[in-house]
Amino acid sequence: MALAFVINLVPAFMPSTWMVMAFFYIRFDLPLLVLTIGGAIASAFGRVALARGTRAFSRRFLTKQRNDLDELALPR
């Protein structure tokens, strides 16, 4: 489950979560229901952590780019 969390925490260059779960199911004969539910929950938490980390990162370090994008935005 920790590996599914880490895979979804890294935004690129990682294998698909289902591929890793299938490998563990085939190689170690883990219970399918537990692996599926646990993998889905861990994947969801990884994506949530990625989204919150990205939001915190962009607020702190990308203020100049945010201002440039705001200037280019269409008027409302």
PDB file of N, CA and C in Angstrom:
ATOM      1  N   MET A   1       0.818  -1.182   0.000  1.00  0.00           N
ATOM      2  CA  MET A   1       0.000   0.000   0.000  1.00  0.00           C
ATOM      3  C   MET A   1       0.870   1.257   0.000  1.00  0.00           C
ATOM      4  N   ALA A   2       1.990   1.202   0.701  1.00  0.00           N
ATOM      5  CA  ALA A   2       2.889   2.359   0.722  1.00  0.00           C
ATOM      6  C   ALA A   2       3.437   2.642  -0.677  1.00  0.00           C
ATOM      7  N   LEU A   3       3.691   1.596  -1.429  1.00  0.00           N
ATOM      8  CA  LEU A   3       4.197   1.781  -2.790  1.00  0.00           C
ATOM      9  C   LEU A   3       3.139   2.430  -3.682  1.00  0.00           C
ATOM     10  N   ALA A   4       1.892   2.061  -3.511  1.00  0.00           N
ATOM     11  CA  ALA A   4       0.812   2.700  -4.283  1.00  0.00           C
ATOM     12  C   ALA A   4       0.708   4.176  -3.921  1.00  0.00           C
ATOM     13  N   PHE A   5       0.898   4.501  -2.647  1.00  0.00           N
ATOM     14  CA  PHE A   5       0.886   5.902  -2.216  1.00  0.00           C
ATOM     15  C   PHE A   5       2.013   6.677  -2.882  1.00  0.00           C
ATOM     16  N   VAL A   6       3.218   6.126  -2.877  1.00  0.00           N
ATOM     17  CA  VAL A   6       4.384   6.809  -3.449  1.00  0.00           C
ATOM     18  C   VAL A   6       4.245   6.952  -4.960  1.00  0.00           C
ATOM     19  N   ILE A   7       3.738   5.938  -5.621  1.00  0.00           N
ATOM     20  CA  ILE A   7       3.558   6.003  -7.076  1.00  0.00           C
ATOM     21  C   ILE A   7       2.627   7.153  -7.450  1.00  0.00           C
ATOM     22  N   ASN A   8       1.580   7.359  -6.675  1.00  0.00           N
ATOM     23  CA  ASN A   8       0.638   8.432  -6.976  1.00  0.00           C
ATOM     24  C   ASN A   8       1.091   9.777  -6.435  1.00  0.00           C
ATOM     25  N   LEU A   9       2.092   9.784  -5.586  1.00  0.00           N
ATOM     26  CA  LEU A   9       2.653  11.025  -5.075  1.00  0.00           C
ATOM     27  C   LEU A   9       3.608  11.657  -6.079  1.00  0.00           C
ATOM     28  N   VAL A  10       4.280  10.838  -6.869  1.00  0.00           N
ATOM     29  CA  VAL A  10       5.220  11.321  -7.879  1.00  0.00           C
ATOM     30  C   VAL A  10       4.424  11.590  -9.161  1.00  0.00           C
ATOM     31  N   PRO A  11       4.512  12.807  -9.714  1.00  0.00           N
ATOM     32  CA  PRO A  11       3.632  13.154 -10.825  1.00  0.00           C
ATOM     33  C   PRO A  11       3.990  12.516 -12.173  1.00  0.00           C
ATOM     34  N   ALA A  12       5.219  12.074 -12.368  1.00  0.00           N
ATOM     35  CA  ALA A  12       5.588  11.543 -13.686  1.00  0.00           C
ATOM     36  C   ALA A  12       6.664  10.462 -13.544  1.00  0.00           C
ATOM     37  N   PHE A  13       6.849   9.722 -14.603  1.00  0.00           N
ATOM     38  CA  PHE A  13       7.904   8.721 -14.728  1.00  0.00           C
ATOM     39  C   PHE A  13       7.785   7.568 -13.734  1.00  0.00           C
ATOM     40  N   MET A  14       6.572   7.208 -13.379  1.00  0.00           N
ATOM     41  CA  MET A  14       6.331   6.068 -12.508  1.00  0.00           C
ATOM     42  C   MET A  14       5.405   5.102 -13.240  1.00  0.00           C
ATOM     43  N   PRO A  15       5.496   3.816 -12.916  1.00  0.00           N
ATOM     44  CA  PRO A  15       4.570   2.870 -13.558  1.00  0.00           C
ATOM     45  C   PRO A  15       3.147   3.071 -13.043  1.00  0.00           C
ATOM     46  N   SER A  16       2.211   2.544 -13.772  1.00  0.00           N
ATOM     47  CA  SER A  16       0.810   2.636 -13.353  1.00  0.00           C
ATOM     48  C   SER A  16       0.596   1.850 -12.069  1.00  0.00           C
ATOM     49  N   THR A  17      -0.314   2.338 -11.253  1.00  0.00           N
ATOM     50  CA  THR A  17      -0.602   1.672  -9.981  1.00  0.00           C
ATOM     51  C   THR A  17      -1.133   0.266 -10.219  1.00  0.00           C
ATOM     52  N   TRP A  18      -1.978   0.097 -11.219  1.00  0.00           N
ATOM     53  CA  TRP A  18      -2.550  -1.222 -11.459  1.00  0.00           C
ATOM     54  C   TRP A  18      -1.475  -2.225 -11.860  1.00  0.00           C
ATOM     55  N   MET A  19      -0.428  -1.769 -12.556  1.00  0.00           N
ATOM     56  CA  MET A  19       0.659  -2.681 -12.924  1.00  0.00           C
ATOM     57  C   MET A  19       1.395  -3.197 -11.687  1.00  0.00           C
ATOM     58  N   VAL A  20       1.650  -2.299 -10.754  1.00  0.00           N
ATOM     59  CA  VAL A  20       2.348  -2.686  -9.529  1.00  0.00           C
ATOM     60  C   VAL A  20       1.466  -3.602  -8.683  1.00  0.00           C
ATOM     61  N   MET A  21       0.182  -3.273  -8.589  1.00  0.00           N
ATOM     62  CA  MET A  21      -0.730  -4.127  -7.828  1.00  0.00           C
ATOM     63  C   MET A  21      -0.842  -5.524  -8.457  1.00  0.00           C
ATOM     64  N   ALA A  22      -0.889  -5.577  -9.783  1.00  0.00           N
ATOM     65  CA  ALA A  22      -0.951  -6.874 -10.463  1.00  0.00           C
ATOM     66  C   ALA A  22       0.319  -7.672 -10.219  1.00  0.00           C
ATOM     67  N   PHE A  23       1.471  -7.009 -10.224  1.00  0.00           N
ATOM     68  CA  PHE A  23       2.730  -7.692  -9.936  1.00  0.00           C
ATOM     69  C   PHE A  23       2.711  -8.314  -8.543  1.00  0.00           C
ATOM     70  N   PHE A  24       2.296  -7.539  -7.541  1.00  0.00           N
ATOM     71  CA  PHE A  24       2.251  -8.064  -6.180  1.00  0.00           C
ATOM     72  C   PHE A  24       1.226  -9.186  -6.038  1.00  0.00           C
ATOM     73  N   TYR A  25       0.130  -9.083  -6.762  1.00  0.00           N
ATOM     74  CA  TYR A  25      -0.882 -10.146  -6.722  1.00  0.00           C
ATOM     75  C   TYR A  25      -0.335 -11.442  -7.312  1.00  0.00           C
ATOM     76  N   ILE A  26       0.354 -11.334  -8.437  1.00  0.00           N
ATOM     77  CA  ILE A  26       0.885 -12.528  -9.102  1.00  0.00           C
ATOM     78  C   ILE A  26       2.088 -13.089  -8.362  1.00  0.00           C
ATOM     79  N   ARG A  27       2.999 -12.218  -7.974  1.00  0.00           N
ATOM     80  CA  ARG A  27       4.264 -12.669  -7.388  1.00  0.00           C
ATOM     81  C   ARG A  27       4.107 -13.187  -5.968  1.00  0.00           C
ATOM     82  N   PHE A  28       3.325 -12.498  -5.139  1.00  0.00           N
ATOM     83  CA  PHE A  28       3.247 -12.840  -3.725  1.00  0.00           C
ATOM     84  C   PHE A  28       1.909 -13.447  -3.320  1.00  0.00           C
ATOM     85  N   ASP A  29       0.997 -13.646  -4.274  1.00  0.00           N
ATOM     86  CA  ASP A  29      -0.293 -14.289  -4.030  1.00  0.00           C
ATOM     87  C   ASP A  29      -1.051 -13.629  -2.875  1.00  0.00           C
ATOM     88  N   LEU A  30      -1.153 -12.307  -2.939  1.00  0.00           N
ATOM     89  CA  LEU A  30      -1.872 -11.558  -1.910  1.00  0.00           C
ATOM     90  C   LEU A  30      -3.371 -11.640  -2.169  1.00  0.00           C
ATOM     91  N   PRO A  31      -4.200 -11.480  -1.130  1.00  0.00           N
ATOM     92  CA  PRO A  31      -5.652 -11.512  -1.328  1.00  0.00           C
ATOM     93  C   PRO A  31      -6.104 -10.357  -2.226  1.00  0.00           C
ATOM     94  N   LEU A  32      -6.865 -10.679  -3.236  1.00  0.00           N
ATOM     95  CA  LEU A  32      -7.245  -9.707  -4.257  1.00  0.00           C
ATOM     96  C   LEU A  32      -8.106  -8.578  -3.700  1.00  0.00           C
ATOM     97  N   LEU A  33      -9.069  -8.882  -2.869  1.00  0.00           N
ATOM     98  CA  LEU A  33      -9.966  -7.860  -2.343  1.00  0.00           C
ATOM     99  C   LEU A  33      -9.211  -6.852  -1.468  1.00  0.00           C
ATOM    100  N   VAL A  34      -8.361  -7.352  -0.601  1.00  0.00           N
ATOM    101  CA  VAL A  34      -7.572  -6.476   0.270  1.00  0.00           C
ATOM    102  C   VAL A  34      -6.614  -5.627  -0.560  1.00  0.00           C
ATOM    103  N   LEU A  35      -5.979  -6.237  -1.541  1.00  0.00           N
ATOM    104  CA  LEU A  35      -5.043  -5.522  -2.404  1.00  0.00           C
ATOM    105  C   LEU A  35      -5.752  -4.431  -3.213  1.00  0.00           C
ATOM    106  N   THR A  36      -6.926  -4.737  -3.708  1.00  0.00           N
ATOM    107  CA  THR A  36      -7.674  -3.785  -4.526  1.00  0.00           C
ATOM    108  C   THR A  36      -8.169  -2.599  -3.701  1.00  0.00           C
ATOM    109  N   ILE A  37      -8.810  -2.876  -2.592  1.00  0.00           N
ATOM    110  CA  ILE A  37      -9.348  -1.801  -1.759  1.00  0.00           C
ATOM    111  C   ILE A  37      -8.223  -0.977  -1.145  1.00  0.00           C
ATOM    112  N   GLY A  38      -7.206  -1.650  -0.623  1.00  0.00           N
ATOM    113  CA  GLY A  38      -6.069  -0.936  -0.040  1.00  0.00           C
ATOM    114  C   GLY A  38      -5.319  -0.118  -1.065  1.00  0.00           C
ATOM    115  N   GLY A  39      -5.140  -0.663  -2.264  1.00  0.00           N
ATOM    116  CA  GLY A  39      -4.468   0.072  -3.323  1.00  0.00           C
ATOM    117  C   GLY A  39      -5.252   1.290  -3.764  1.00  0.00           C
ATOM    118  N   ALA A  40      -6.559   1.165  -3.837  1.00  0.00           N
ATOM    119  CA  ALA A  40      -7.400   2.306  -4.228  1.00  0.00           C
ATOM    120  C   ALA A  40      -7.350   3.413  -3.177  1.00  0.00           C
ATOM    121  N   ILE A  41      -7.402   3.038  -1.911  1.00  0.00           N
ATOM    122  CA  ILE A  41      -7.351   4.036  -0.839  1.00  0.00           C
ATOM    123  C   ILE A  41      -5.983   4.710  -0.800  1.00  0.00           C
ATOM    124  N   ALA A  42      -4.921   3.926  -0.904  1.00  0.00           N
ATOM    125  CA  ALA A  42      -3.572   4.490  -0.892  1.00  0.00           C
ATOM    126  C   ALA A  42      -3.338   5.388  -2.108  1.00  0.00           C
ATOM    127  N   SER A  43      -3.856   4.996  -3.254  1.00  0.00           N
ATOM    128  CA  SER A  43      -3.729   5.823  -4.462  1.00  0.00           C
ATOM    129  C   SER A  43      -4.458   7.148  -4.301  1.00  0.00           C
ATOM    130  N   ALA A  44      -5.640   7.093  -3.723  1.00  0.00           N
ATOM    131  CA  ALA A  44      -6.408   8.331  -3.514  1.00  0.00           C
ATOM    132  C   ALA A  44      -5.679   9.272  -2.558  1.00  0.00           C
ATOM    133  N   PHE A  45      -5.138   8.737  -1.478  1.00  0.00           N
ATOM    134  CA  PHE A  45      -4.385   9.572  -0.542  1.00  0.00           C
ATOM    135  C   PHE A  45      -3.126  10.141  -1.191  1.00  0.00           C
ATOM    136  N   GLY A  46      -2.482   9.369  -2.063  1.00  0.00           N
ATOM    137  CA  GLY A  46      -1.311   9.868  -2.774  1.00  0.00           C
ATOM    138  C   GLY A  46      -1.660  11.022  -3.689  1.00  0.00           C
ATOM    139  N   ARG A  47      -2.781  10.924  -4.396  1.00  0.00           N
ATOM    140  CA  ARG A  47      -3.202  12.005  -5.289  1.00  0.00           C
ATOM    141  C   ARG A  47      -3.607  13.257  -4.506  1.00  0.00           C
ATOM    142  N   VAL A  48      -4.256  13.057  -3.363  1.00  0.00           N
ATOM    143  CA  VAL A  48      -4.624  14.202  -2.530  1.00  0.00           C
ATOM    144  C   VAL A  48      -3.369  14.893  -2.006  1.00  0.00           C
ATOM    145  N   ALA A  49      -2.401  14.120  -1.542  1.00  0.00           N
ATOM    146  CA  ALA A  49      -1.146  14.702  -1.056  1.00  0.00           C
ATOM    147  C   ALA A  49      -0.410  15.424  -2.182  1.00  0.00           C
ATOM    148  N   LEU A  50      -0.430  14.874  -3.383  1.00  0.00           N
ATOM    149  CA  LEU A  50       0.190  15.531  -4.535  1.00  0.00           C
ATOM    150  C   LEU A  50      -0.497  16.865  -4.834  1.00  0.00           C
ATOM    151  N   ALA A  51      -1.817  16.884  -4.812  1.00  0.00           N
ATOM    152  CA  ALA A  51      -2.554  18.113  -5.100  1.00  0.00           C
ATOM    153  C   ALA A  51      -2.278  19.184  -4.047  1.00  0.00           C
ATOM    154  N   ARG A  52      -2.287  18.799  -2.790  1.00  0.00           N
ATOM    155  CA  ARG A  52      -2.029  19.782  -1.729  1.00  0.00           C
ATOM    156  C   ARG A  52      -0.580  20.258  -1.751  1.00  0.00           C
ATOM    157  N   GLY A  53       0.345  19.368  -2.027  1.00  0.00           N
ATOM    158  CA  GLY A  53       1.742  19.763  -2.114  1.00  0.00           C
ATOM    159  C   GLY A  53       2.000  20.683  -3.280  1.00  0.00           C
ATOM    160  N   THR A  54       1.363  20.419  -4.400  1.00  0.00           N
ATOM    161  CA  THR A  54       1.513  21.277  -5.571  1.00  0.00           C
ATOM    162  C   THR A  54       0.941  22.661  -5.297  1.00  0.00           C
ATOM    163  N   ARG A  55      -0.196  22.720  -4.643  1.00  0.00           N
ATOM    164  CA  ARG A  55      -0.805  24.002  -4.310  1.00  0.00           C
ATOM    165  C   ARG A  55       0.106  24.801  -3.372  1.00  0.00           C
ATOM    166  N   ALA A  56       0.663  24.153  -2.364  1.00  0.00           N
ATOM    167  CA  ALA A  56       1.560  24.842  -1.433  1.00  0.00           C
ATOM    168  C   ALA A  56       2.838  25.291  -2.141  1.00  0.00           C
ATOM    169  N   PHE A  57       3.353  24.444  -3.020  1.00  0.00           N
ATOM    170  CA  PHE A  57       4.568  24.779  -3.758  1.00  0.00           C
ATOM    171  C   PHE A  57       4.342  25.973  -4.669  1.00  0.00           C
ATOM    172  N   SER A  58       3.231  25.981  -5.384  1.00  0.00           N
ATOM    173  CA  SER A  58       2.984  27.065  -6.336  1.00  0.00           C
ATOM    174  C   SER A  58       2.724  28.385  -5.620  1.00  0.00           C
ATOM    175  N   ARG A  59       2.084  28.354  -4.478  1.00  0.00           N
ATOM    176  CA  ARG A  59       1.856  29.596  -3.731  1.00  0.00           C
ATOM    177  C   ARG A  59       3.165  30.186  -3.217  1.00  0.00           C
ATOM    178  N   ARG A  60       4.070  29.336  -2.817  1.00  0.00           N
ATOM    179  CA  ARG A  60       5.295  29.808  -2.195  1.00  0.00           C
ATOM    180  C   ARG A  60       6.356  30.218  -3.206  1.00  0.00           C
ATOM    181  N   PHE A  61       6.521  29.455  -4.289  1.00  0.00           N
ATOM    182  CA  PHE A  61       7.663  29.642  -5.174  1.00  0.00           C
ATOM    183  C   PHE A  61       7.336  30.211  -6.548  1.00  0.00           C
ATOM    184  N   LEU A  62       6.100  30.168  -6.959  1.00  0.00           N
ATOM    185  CA  LEU A  62       5.779  30.583  -8.315  1.00  0.00           C
ATOM    186  C   LEU A  62       4.923  31.845  -8.352  1.00  0.00           C
ATOM    187  N   THR A  63       5.212  32.795  -7.495  1.00  0.00           N
ATOM    188  CA  THR A  63       4.392  34.009  -7.448  1.00  0.00           C
ATOM    189  C   THR A  63       4.572  34.849  -8.707  1.00  0.00           C
ATOM    190  N   LYS A  64       5.790  34.947  -9.239  1.00  0.00           N
ATOM    191  CA  LYS A  64       6.018  35.739 -10.444  1.00  0.00           C
ATOM    192  C   LYS A  64       5.258  35.148 -11.631  1.00  0.00           C
ATOM    193  N   GLN A  65       5.315  33.826 -11.785  1.00  0.00           N
ATOM    194  CA  GLN A  65       4.595  33.192 -12.880  1.00  0.00           C
ATOM    195  C   GLN A  65       3.088  33.349 -12.702  1.00  0.00           C
ATOM    196  N   ARG A  66       2.611  33.289 -11.480  1.00  0.00           N
ATOM    197  CA  ARG A  66       1.181  33.473 -11.211  1.00  0.00           C
ATOM    198  C   ARG A  66       0.761  34.881 -11.611  1.00  0.00           C
ATOM    199  N   ASN A  67       1.577  35.900 -11.291  1.00  0.00           N
ATOM    200  CA  ASN A  67       1.261  37.272 -11.668  1.00  0.00           C
ATOM    201  C   ASN A  67       1.248  37.435 -13.182  1.00  0.00           C
ATOM    202  N   ASP A  68       2.204  36.799 -13.868  1.00  0.00           N
ATOM    203  CA  ASP A  68       2.228  36.861 -15.329  1.00  0.00           C
ATOM    204  C   ASP A  68       0.975  36.229 -15.927  1.00  0.00           C
ATOM    205  N   LEU A  69       0.555  35.096 -15.390  1.00  0.00           N
ATOM    206  CA  LEU A  69      -0.648  34.431 -15.894  1.00  0.00           C
ATOM    207  C   LEU A  69      -1.899  35.251 -15.600  1.00  0.00           C
ATOM    208  N   ASP A  70      -1.927  35.913 -14.452  1.00  0.00           N
ATOM    209  CA  ASP A  70      -3.077  36.761 -14.129  1.00  0.00           C
ATOM    210  C   ASP A  70      -3.176  37.939 -15.100  1.00  0.00           C
ATOM    211  N   GLU A  71      -2.033  38.475 -15.517  1.00  0.00           N
ATOM    212  CA  GLU A  71      -2.051  39.573 -16.479  1.00  0.00           C
ATOM    213  C   GLU A  71      -2.531  39.122 -17.847  1.00  0.00           C
ATOM    214  N   LEU A  72      -2.259  37.876 -18.206  1.00  0.00           N
ATOM    215  CA  LEU A  72      -2.673  37.358 -19.497  1.00  0.00           C
ATOM    216  C   LEU A  72      -4.114  36.847 -19.515  1.00  0.00           C
ATOM    217  N   ALA A  73      -4.719  36.727 -18.348  1.00  0.00           N
ATOM    218  CA  ALA A  73      -6.069  36.184 -18.247  1.00  0.00           C
ATOM    219  C   ALA A  73      -7.075  37.085 -18.946  1.00  0.00           C
ATOM    220  N   LEU A  74      -8.129  36.453 -19.403  1.00  0.00           N
ATOM    221  CA  LEU A  74      -9.199  37.207 -20.065  1.00  0.00           C
ATOM    222  C   LEU A  74      -9.954  38.035 -19.029  1.00  0.00           C
ATOM    223  N   PRO A  75     -10.342  39.253 -19.390  1.00  0.00           N
ATOM    224  CA  PRO A  75     -11.118  40.064 -18.442  1.00  0.00           C
ATOM    225  C   PRO A  75     -12.499  39.443 -18.229  1.00  0.00           C
ATOM    226  N   ARG A  76     -13.005  39.600 -17.038  1.00  0.00           N
ATOM    227  CA  ARG A  76     -14.319  39.016 -16.725  1.00  0.00           C
ATOM    228  C   ARG A  76     -15.398  40.059 -16.800  1.00  0.00           C
TER     229      ARG A  76
END
